[in-house]
Amino acid sequence: MVNTTDTSVKFTVISDNYFDGPGSTIEFSIVEKGGQFALRKVANAEKAQAGVAQLAPGGAYLSWSLQAADFKNVIRKYGAGNQ
């Protein structure tokens, strides 16, 4: 299930056929901090499979760090004033 606002998108697991249980969420939003905008990502896993639960913190850190670097590169290339 997907819910959106003007500044966010939130995905919620509704199926039992996923590695995180129903009710698990991940939300991406744009927030303002000190006059600058930032991308915030918040996730919550419900009843994650045992193997996934053990590896999730390290895997999330690695993948989210790579995503942040990619996002920064896109902003540098296509951000405001570069169009």
PDB file of N, CA and C in Angstrom:
ATOM      1  N   MET A   1       0.848  -1.157   0.000  1.00  0.00           N
ATOM      2  CA  MET A   1       0.000   0.000   0.000  1.00  0.00           C
ATOM      3  C   MET A   1       0.903   1.232   0.000  1.00  0.00           C
ATOM      4  N   VAL A   2       0.512   2.276  -0.727  1.00  0.00           N
ATOM      5  CA  VAL A   2       1.308   3.498  -0.831  1.00  0.00           C
ATOM      6  C   VAL A   2       0.440   4.693  -0.441  1.00  0.00           C
ATOM      7  N   ASN A   3       0.975   5.532   0.450  1.00  0.00           N
ATOM      8  CA  ASN A   3       0.321   6.785   0.825  1.00  0.00           C
ATOM      9  C   ASN A   3       1.267   7.923   0.501  1.00  0.00           C
ATOM     10  N   THR A   4       0.736   8.991  -0.097  1.00  0.00           N
ATOM     11  CA  THR A   4       1.582  10.122  -0.453  1.00  0.00           C
ATOM     12  C   THR A   4       0.987  11.427   0.061  1.00  0.00           C
ATOM     13  N   THR A   5       1.872  12.398   0.286  1.00  0.00           N
ATOM     14  CA  THR A   5       1.496  13.769   0.566  1.00  0.00           C
ATOM     15  C   THR A   5       2.313  14.633  -0.397  1.00  0.00           C
ATOM     16  N   ASP A   6       2.220  15.935  -0.248  1.00  0.00           N
ATOM     17  CA  ASP A   6       3.019  16.822  -1.096  1.00  0.00           C
ATOM     18  C   ASP A   6       4.514  16.652  -0.862  1.00  0.00           C
ATOM     19  N   THR A   7       4.907  16.182   0.329  1.00  0.00           N
ATOM     20  CA  THR A   7       6.334  16.097   0.673  1.00  0.00           C
ATOM     21  C   THR A   7       6.785  14.713   1.114  1.00  0.00           C
ATOM     22  N   SER A   8       5.933  13.689   0.964  1.00  0.00           N
ATOM     23  CA  SER A   8       6.352  12.363   1.431  1.00  0.00           C
ATOM     24  C   SER A   8       5.660  11.243   0.663  1.00  0.00           C
ATOM     25  N   VAL A   9       6.261  10.074   0.776  1.00  0.00           N
ATOM     26  CA  VAL A   9       5.643   8.841   0.281  1.00  0.00           C
ATOM     27  C   VAL A   9       5.949   7.751   1.304  1.00  0.00           C
ATOM     28  N   LYS A  10       4.918   6.976   1.645  1.00  0.00           N
ATOM     29  CA  LYS A  10       5.065   5.926   2.657  1.00  0.00           C
ATOM     30  C   LYS A  10       4.529   4.618   2.081  1.00  0.00           C
ATOM     31  N   PHE A  11       5.372   3.582   2.153  1.00  0.00           N
ATOM     32  CA  PHE A  11       5.019   2.249   1.687  1.00  0.00           C
ATOM     33  C   PHE A  11       4.736   1.369   2.904  1.00  0.00           C
ATOM     34  N   THR A  12       3.622   0.651   2.869  1.00  0.00           N
ATOM     35  CA  THR A  12       3.249  -0.241   3.967  1.00  0.00           C
ATOM     36  C   THR A  12       3.041  -1.643   3.414  1.00  0.00           C
ATOM     37  N   VAL A  13       3.670  -2.632   4.055  1.00  0.00           N
ATOM     38  CA  VAL A  13       3.514  -4.035   3.658  1.00  0.00           C
ATOM     39  C   VAL A  13       2.122  -4.499   4.086  1.00  0.00           C
ATOM     40  N   ILE A  14       1.379  -5.082   3.159  1.00  0.00           N
ATOM     41  CA  ILE A  14       0.049  -5.604   3.479  1.00  0.00           C
ATOM     42  C   ILE A  14      -0.054  -7.106   3.201  1.00  0.00           C
ATOM     43  N   SER A  15       1.029  -7.704   2.735  1.00  0.00           N
ATOM     44  CA  SER A  15       1.035  -9.119   2.358  1.00  0.00           C
ATOM     45  C   SER A  15       1.901  -9.928   3.318  1.00  0.00           C
ATOM     46  N   ASP A  16       1.552 -11.205   3.466  1.00  0.00           N
ATOM     47  CA  ASP A  16       2.391 -12.126   4.240  1.00  0.00           C
ATOM     48  C   ASP A  16       3.538 -12.673   3.395  1.00  0.00           C
ATOM     49  N   ASN A  17       3.587 -12.345   2.113  1.00  0.00           N
ATOM     50  CA  ASN A  17       4.574 -12.897   1.194  1.00  0.00           C
ATOM     51  C   ASN A  17       5.748 -11.957   0.968  1.00  0.00           C
ATOM     52  N   TYR A  18       6.220 -11.327   2.026  1.00  0.00           N
ATOM     53  CA  TYR A  18       7.312 -10.375   1.941  1.00  0.00           C
ATOM     54  C   TYR A  18       8.255 -10.661   3.100  1.00  0.00           C
ATOM     55  N   PHE A  19       9.529 -10.247   3.020  1.00  0.00           N
ATOM     56  CA  PHE A  19      10.464 -10.603   4.095  1.00  0.00           C
ATOM     57  C   PHE A  19      10.201  -9.854   5.397  1.00  0.00           C
ATOM     58  N   ASP A  20       9.461  -8.739   5.343  1.00  0.00           N
ATOM     59  CA  ASP A  20       8.976  -8.067   6.545  1.00  0.00           C
ATOM     60  C   ASP A  20       7.484  -8.326   6.635  1.00  0.00           C
ATOM     61  N   GLY A  21       6.985  -8.412   7.849  1.00  0.00           N
ATOM     62  CA  GLY A  21       5.583  -8.722   8.042  1.00  0.00           C
ATOM     63  C   GLY A  21       4.647  -7.575   7.732  1.00  0.00           C
ATOM     64  N   PRO A  22       3.350  -7.893   7.614  1.00  0.00           N
ATOM     65  CA  PRO A  22       2.342  -6.863   7.388  1.00  0.00           C
ATOM     66  C   PRO A  22       2.441  -5.758   8.442  1.00  0.00           C
ATOM     67  N   GLY A  23       2.276  -4.535   7.997  1.00  0.00           N
ATOM     68  CA  GLY A  23       2.401  -3.386   8.894  1.00  0.00           C
ATOM     69  C   GLY A  23       3.769  -2.743   8.851  1.00  0.00           C
ATOM     70  N   SER A  24       4.758  -3.417   8.264  1.00  0.00           N
ATOM     71  CA  SER A  24       6.092  -2.828   8.108  1.00  0.00           C
ATOM     72  C   SER A  24       5.989  -1.625   7.169  1.00  0.00           C
ATOM     73  N   THR A  25       6.783  -0.597   7.448  1.00  0.00           N
ATOM     74  CA  THR A  25       6.713   0.615   6.636  1.00  0.00           C
ATOM     75  C   THR A  25       8.092   1.149   6.302  1.00  0.00           C
ATOM     76  N   ILE A  26       8.146   1.919   5.228  1.00  0.00           N
ATOM     77  CA  ILE A  26       9.294   2.754   4.919  1.00  0.00           C
ATOM     78  C   ILE A  26       8.726   4.044   4.342  1.00  0.00           C
ATOM     79  N   GLU A  27       9.227   5.165   4.865  1.00  0.00           N
ATOM     80  CA  GLU A  27       8.719   6.474   4.442  1.00  0.00           C
ATOM     81  C   GLU A  27       9.875   7.370   4.031  1.00  0.00           C
ATOM     82  N   PHE A  28       9.698   8.042   2.911  1.00  0.00           N
ATOM     83  CA  PHE A  28      10.646   9.025   2.414  1.00  0.00           C
ATOM     84  C   PHE A  28       9.949  10.378   2.468  1.00  0.00           C
ATOM     85  N   SER A  29      10.623  11.369   3.042  1.00  0.00           N
ATOM     86  CA  SER A  29      10.013  12.694   3.106  1.00  0.00           C
ATOM     87  C   SER A  29      11.080  13.771   2.974  1.00  0.00           C
ATOM     88  N   ILE A  30      10.636  14.938   2.548  1.00  0.00           N
ATOM     89  CA  ILE A  30      11.504  16.103   2.469  1.00  0.00           C
ATOM     90  C   ILE A  30      11.225  16.945   3.704  1.00  0.00           C
ATOM     91  N   VAL A  31      12.275  17.264   4.449  1.00  0.00           N
ATOM     92  CA  VAL A  31      12.137  18.079   5.660  1.00  0.00           C
ATOM     93  C   VAL A  31      13.076  19.265   5.581  1.00  0.00           C
ATOM     94  N   GLU A  32      12.751  20.321   6.295  1.00  0.00           N
ATOM     95  CA  GLU A  32      13.607  21.504   6.338  1.00  0.00           C
ATOM     96  C   GLU A  32      14.343  21.525   7.668  1.00  0.00           C
ATOM     97  N   LYS A  33      15.651  21.713   7.581  1.00  0.00           N
ATOM     98  CA  LYS A  33      16.498  21.800   8.774  1.00  0.00           C
ATOM     99  C   LYS A  33      17.438  22.973   8.593  1.00  0.00           C
ATOM    100  N   GLY A  34      17.299  23.976   9.442  1.00  0.00           N
ATOM    101  CA  GLY A  34      18.200  25.120   9.388  1.00  0.00           C
ATOM    102  C   GLY A  34      18.196  25.841   8.051  1.00  0.00           C
ATOM    103  N   GLY A  35      17.031  25.936   7.424  1.00  0.00           N
ATOM    104  CA  GLY A  35      16.943  26.634   6.151  1.00  0.00           C
ATOM    105  C   GLY A  35      17.351  25.803   4.945  1.00  0.00           C
ATOM    106  N   GLN A  36      17.696  24.527   5.158  1.00  0.00           N
ATOM    107  CA  GLN A  36      18.067  23.638   4.052  1.00  0.00           C
ATOM    108  C   GLN A  36      17.114  22.447   4.036  1.00  0.00           C
ATOM    109  N   PHE A  37      16.934  21.886   2.863  1.00  0.00           N
ATOM    110  CA  PHE A  37      16.055  20.730   2.742  1.00  0.00           C
ATOM    111  C   PHE A  37      16.863  19.444   2.783  1.00  0.00           C
ATOM    112  N   ALA A  38      16.266  18.425   3.387  1.00  0.00           N
ATOM    113  CA  ALA A  38      16.933  17.130   3.506  1.00  0.00           C
ATOM    114  C   ALA A  38      15.930  16.025   3.194  1.00  0.00           C
ATOM    115  N   LEU A  39      16.434  14.905   2.717  1.00  0.00           N
ATOM    116  CA  LEU A  39      15.613  13.722   2.502  1.00  0.00           C
ATOM    117  C   LEU A  39      15.694  12.887   3.770  1.00  0.00           C
ATOM    118  N   ARG A  40      14.544  12.569   4.339  1.00  0.00           N
ATOM    119  CA  ARG A  40      14.499  11.735   5.549  1.00  0.00           C
ATOM    120  C   ARG A  40      13.886  10.393   5.169  1.00  0.00           C
ATOM    121  N   LYS A  41      14.471   9.337   5.686  1.00  0.00           N
ATOM    122  CA  LYS A  41      13.977   7.987   5.440  1.00  0.00           C
ATOM    123  C   LYS A  41      13.789   7.318   6.799  1.00  0.00           C
ATOM    124  N   VAL A  42      12.589   6.806   7.035  1.00  0.00           N
ATOM    125  CA  VAL A  42      12.275   6.137   8.295  1.00  0.00           C
ATOM    126  C   VAL A  42      11.646   4.791   7.958  1.00  0.00           C
ATOM    127  N   ALA A  43      12.150   3.730   8.587  1.00  0.00           N
ATOM    128  CA  ALA A  43      11.621   2.393   8.331  1.00  0.00           C
ATOM    129  C   ALA A  43      11.281   1.697   9.640  1.00  0.00           C
ATOM    130  N   ASN A  44      10.280   0.831   9.574  1.00  0.00           N
ATOM    131  CA  ASN A  44       9.871   0.040  10.731  1.00  0.00           C
ATOM    132  C   ASN A  44       9.504  -1.356  10.239  1.00  0.00           C
ATOM    133  N   ALA A  45      10.212  -2.364  10.715  1.00  0.00           N
ATOM    134  CA  ALA A  45       9.947  -3.742  10.291  1.00  0.00           C
ATOM    135  C   ALA A  45       9.153  -4.469  11.366  1.00  0.00           C
ATOM    136  N   GLU A  46       8.062  -5.044  10.963  1.00  0.00           N
ATOM    137  CA  GLU A  46       7.223  -5.854  11.847  1.00  0.00           C
ATOM    138  C   GLU A  46       7.452  -7.331  11.531  1.00  0.00           C
ATOM    139  N   LYS A  47       7.787  -8.095  12.538  1.00  0.00           N
ATOM    140  CA  LYS A  47       7.942  -9.550  12.385  1.00  0.00           C
ATOM    141  C   LYS A  47       8.797  -9.918  11.174  1.00  0.00           C
ATOM    142  N   ALA A  48       9.967  -9.307  11.076  1.00  0.00           N
ATOM    143  CA  ALA A  48      10.887  -9.624   9.980  1.00  0.00           C
ATOM    144  C   ALA A  48      11.392 -11.050  10.130  1.00  0.00           C
ATOM    145  N   GLN A  49      11.690 -11.690   9.020  1.00  0.00           N
ATOM    146  CA  GLN A  49      12.260 -13.030   9.060  1.00  0.00           C
ATOM    147  C   GLN A  49      13.563 -12.995   9.855  1.00  0.00           C
ATOM    148  N   ALA A  50      13.865 -14.041  10.599  1.00  0.00           N
ATOM    149  CA  ALA A  50      15.009 -14.065  11.514  1.00  0.00           C
ATOM    150  C   ALA A  50      16.320 -13.676  10.833  1.00  0.00           C
ATOM    151  N   GLY A  51      16.628 -14.249   9.699  1.00  0.00           N
ATOM    152  CA  GLY A  51      17.875 -13.935   9.002  1.00  0.00           C
ATOM    153  C   GLY A  51      17.926 -12.486   8.556  1.00  0.00           C
ATOM    154  N   VAL A  52      16.804 -11.990   8.090  1.00  0.00           N
ATOM    155  CA  VAL A  52      16.731 -10.599   7.654  1.00  0.00           C
ATOM    156  C   VAL A  52      16.900  -9.672   8.852  1.00  0.00           C
ATOM    157  N   ALA A  53      16.265 -10.001   9.969  1.00  0.00           N
ATOM    158  CA  ALA A  53      16.331  -9.150  11.158  1.00  0.00           C
ATOM    159  C   ALA A  53      17.765  -8.996  11.653  1.00  0.00           C
ATOM    160  N   GLN A  54      18.569 -10.062  11.583  1.00  0.00           N
ATOM    161  CA  GLN A  54      19.957  -9.996  12.052  1.00  0.00           C
ATOM    162  C   GLN A  54      20.827  -9.148  11.133  1.00  0.00           C
ATOM    163  N   LEU A  55      20.577  -9.203   9.847  1.00  0.00           N
ATOM    164  CA  LEU A  55      21.399  -8.483   8.877  1.00  0.00           C
ATOM    165  C   LEU A  55      20.892  -7.076   8.568  1.00  0.00           C
ATOM    166  N   ALA A  56      19.678  -6.766   8.974  1.00  0.00           N
ATOM    167  CA  ALA A  56      19.047  -5.502   8.594  1.00  0.00           C
ATOM    168  C   ALA A  56      19.825  -4.257   8.992  1.00  0.00           C
ATOM    169  N   PRO A  57      20.305  -4.112  10.232  1.00  0.00           N
ATOM    170  CA  PRO A  57      20.994  -2.854  10.578  1.00  0.00           C
ATOM    171  C   PRO A  57      22.212  -2.567   9.703  1.00  0.00           C
ATOM    172  N   GLY A  58      23.073  -3.554   9.502  1.00  0.00           N
ATOM    173  CA  GLY A  58      24.254  -3.355   8.659  1.00  0.00           C
ATOM    174  C   GLY A  58      23.890  -3.143   7.206  1.00  0.00           C
ATOM    175  N   GLY A  59      22.932  -3.924   6.717  1.00  0.00           N
ATOM    176  CA  GLY A  59      22.488  -3.791   5.337  1.00  0.00           C
ATOM    177  C   GLY A  59      21.822  -2.453   5.082  1.00  0.00           C
ATOM    178  N   ALA A  60      21.017  -2.005   6.041  1.00  0.00           N
ATOM    179  CA  ALA A  60      20.350  -0.705   5.894  1.00  0.00           C
ATOM    180  C   ALA A  60      21.378   0.413   5.877  1.00  0.00           C
ATOM    181  N   TYR A  61      22.362   0.343   6.770  1.00  0.00           N
ATOM    182  CA  TYR A  61      23.384   1.393   6.812  1.00  0.00           C
ATOM    183  C   TYR A  61      24.118   1.480   5.476  1.00  0.00           C
ATOM    184  N   LEU A  62      24.510   0.347   4.948  1.00  0.00           N
ATOM    185  CA  LEU A  62      25.241   0.331   3.678  1.00  0.00           C
ATOM    186  C   LEU A  62      24.365   0.838   2.528  1.00  0.00           C
ATOM    187  N   SER A  63      23.184   0.274   2.391  1.00  0.00           N
ATOM    188  CA  SER A  63      22.342   0.664   1.252  1.00  0.00           C
ATOM    189  C   SER A  63      21.869   2.106   1.379  1.00  0.00           C
ATOM    190  N   TRP A  64      21.547   2.569   2.579  1.00  0.00           N
ATOM    191  CA  TRP A  64      21.081   3.941   2.746  1.00  0.00           C
ATOM    192  C   TRP A  64      22.228   4.923   2.524  1.00  0.00           C
ATOM    193  N   SER A  65      23.450   4.544   2.892  1.00  0.00           N
ATOM    194  CA  SER A  65      24.605   5.417   2.635  1.00  0.00           C
ATOM    195  C   SER A  65      24.832   5.569   1.127  1.00  0.00           C
ATOM    196  N   LEU A  66      24.713   4.464   0.403  1.00  0.00           N
ATOM    197  CA  LEU A  66      24.862   4.517  -1.057  1.00  0.00           C
ATOM    198  C   LEU A  66      23.740   5.335  -1.696  1.00  0.00           C
ATOM    199  N   GLN A  67      22.526   5.159  -1.211  1.00  0.00           N
ATOM    200  CA  GLN A  67      21.405   5.935  -1.739  1.00  0.00           C
ATOM    201  C   GLN A  67      21.601   7.423  -1.466  1.00  0.00           C
ATOM    202  N   ALA A  68      22.101   7.772  -0.283  1.00  0.00           N
ATOM    203  CA  ALA A  68      22.345   9.181   0.056  1.00  0.00           C
ATOM    204  C   ALA A  68      23.388   9.786  -0.882  1.00  0.00           C
ATOM    205  N   ALA A  69      24.445   9.036  -1.164  1.00  0.00           N
ATOM    206  CA  ALA A  69      25.485   9.528  -2.074  1.00  0.00           C
ATOM    207  C   ALA A  69      24.912   9.729  -3.476  1.00  0.00           C
ATOM    208  N   ASP A  70      24.103   8.784  -3.942  1.00  0.00           N
ATOM    209  CA  ASP A  70      23.469   8.918  -5.254  1.00  0.00           C
ATOM    210  C   ASP A  70      22.542  10.131  -5.289  1.00  0.00           C
ATOM    211  N   PHE A  71      21.776  10.324  -4.228  1.00  0.00           N
ATOM    212  CA  PHE A  71      20.847  11.445  -4.155  1.00  0.00           C
ATOM    213  C   PHE A  71      21.605  12.773  -4.185  1.00  0.00           C
ATOM    214  N   LYS A  72      22.707  12.860  -3.457  1.00  0.00           N
ATOM    215  CA  LYS A  72      23.523  14.079  -3.467  1.00  0.00           C
ATOM    216  C   LYS A  72      24.043  14.375  -4.870  1.00  0.00           C
ATOM    217  N   ASN A  73      24.473  13.330  -5.582  1.00  0.00           N
ATOM    218  CA  ASN A  73      24.970  13.518  -6.952  1.00  0.00           C
ATOM    219  C   ASN A  73      23.871  14.024  -7.882  1.00  0.00           C
ATOM    220  N   VAL A  74      22.660  13.514  -7.721  1.00  0.00           N
ATOM    221  CA  VAL A  74      21.541  13.967  -8.539  1.00  0.00           C
ATOM    222  C   VAL A  74      21.234  15.430  -8.237  1.00  0.00           C
ATOM    223  N   ILE A  75      21.225  15.797  -6.958  1.00  0.00           N
ATOM    224  CA  ILE A  75      20.958  17.186  -6.581  1.00  0.00           C
ATOM    225  C   ILE A  75      22.038  18.105  -7.140  1.00  0.00           C
ATOM    226  N   ARG A  76      23.297  17.699  -7.045  1.00  0.00           N
ATOM    227  CA  ARG A  76      24.382  18.517  -7.604  1.00  0.00           C
ATOM    228  C   ARG A  76      24.203  18.725  -9.107  1.00  0.00           C
ATOM    229  N   LYS A  77      23.779  17.657  -9.793  1.00  0.00           N
ATOM    230  CA  LYS A  77      23.661  17.727 -11.248  1.00  0.00           C
ATOM    231  C   LYS A  77      22.380  18.430 -11.698  1.00  0.00           C
ATOM    232  N   TYR A  78      21.258  18.121 -11.054  1.00  0.00           N
ATOM    233  CA  TYR A  78      19.957  18.594 -11.530  1.00  0.00           C
ATOM    234  C   TYR A  78      19.251  19.540 -10.574  1.00  0.00           C
ATOM    235  N   GLY A  79      19.836  19.826  -9.407  1.00  0.00           N
ATOM    236  CA  GLY A  79      19.172  20.658  -8.394  1.00  0.00           C
ATOM    237  C   GLY A  79      18.861  22.054  -8.861  1.00  0.00           C
ATOM    238  N   ALA A  80      18.181  22.794  -7.999  1.00  0.00           N
ATOM    239  CA  ALA A  80      17.769  24.155  -8.308  1.00  0.00           C
ATOM    240  C   ALA A  80      18.955  24.976  -8.802  1.00  0.00           C
ATOM    241  N   GLY A  81      18.741  25.709  -9.862  1.00  0.00           N
ATOM    242  CA  GLY A  81      19.781  26.559 -10.423  1.00  0.00           C
ATOM    243  C   GLY A  81      20.655  25.859 -11.441  1.00  0.00           C
ATOM    244  N   ASN A  82      20.495  24.543 -11.596  1.00  0.00           N
ATOM    245  CA  ASN A  82      21.320  23.779 -12.552  1.00  0.00           C
ATOM    246  C   ASN A  82      20.495  23.303 -13.748  1.00  0.00           C
ATOM    247  N   GLN A  83      19.347  23.894 -13.978  1.00  0.00           N
ATOM    248  CA  GLN A  83      18.469  23.383 -15.027  1.00  0.00           C
ATOM    249  C   GLN A  83      18.624  24.130 -16.312  1.00  0.00           C
TER     250      GLN A  83
END
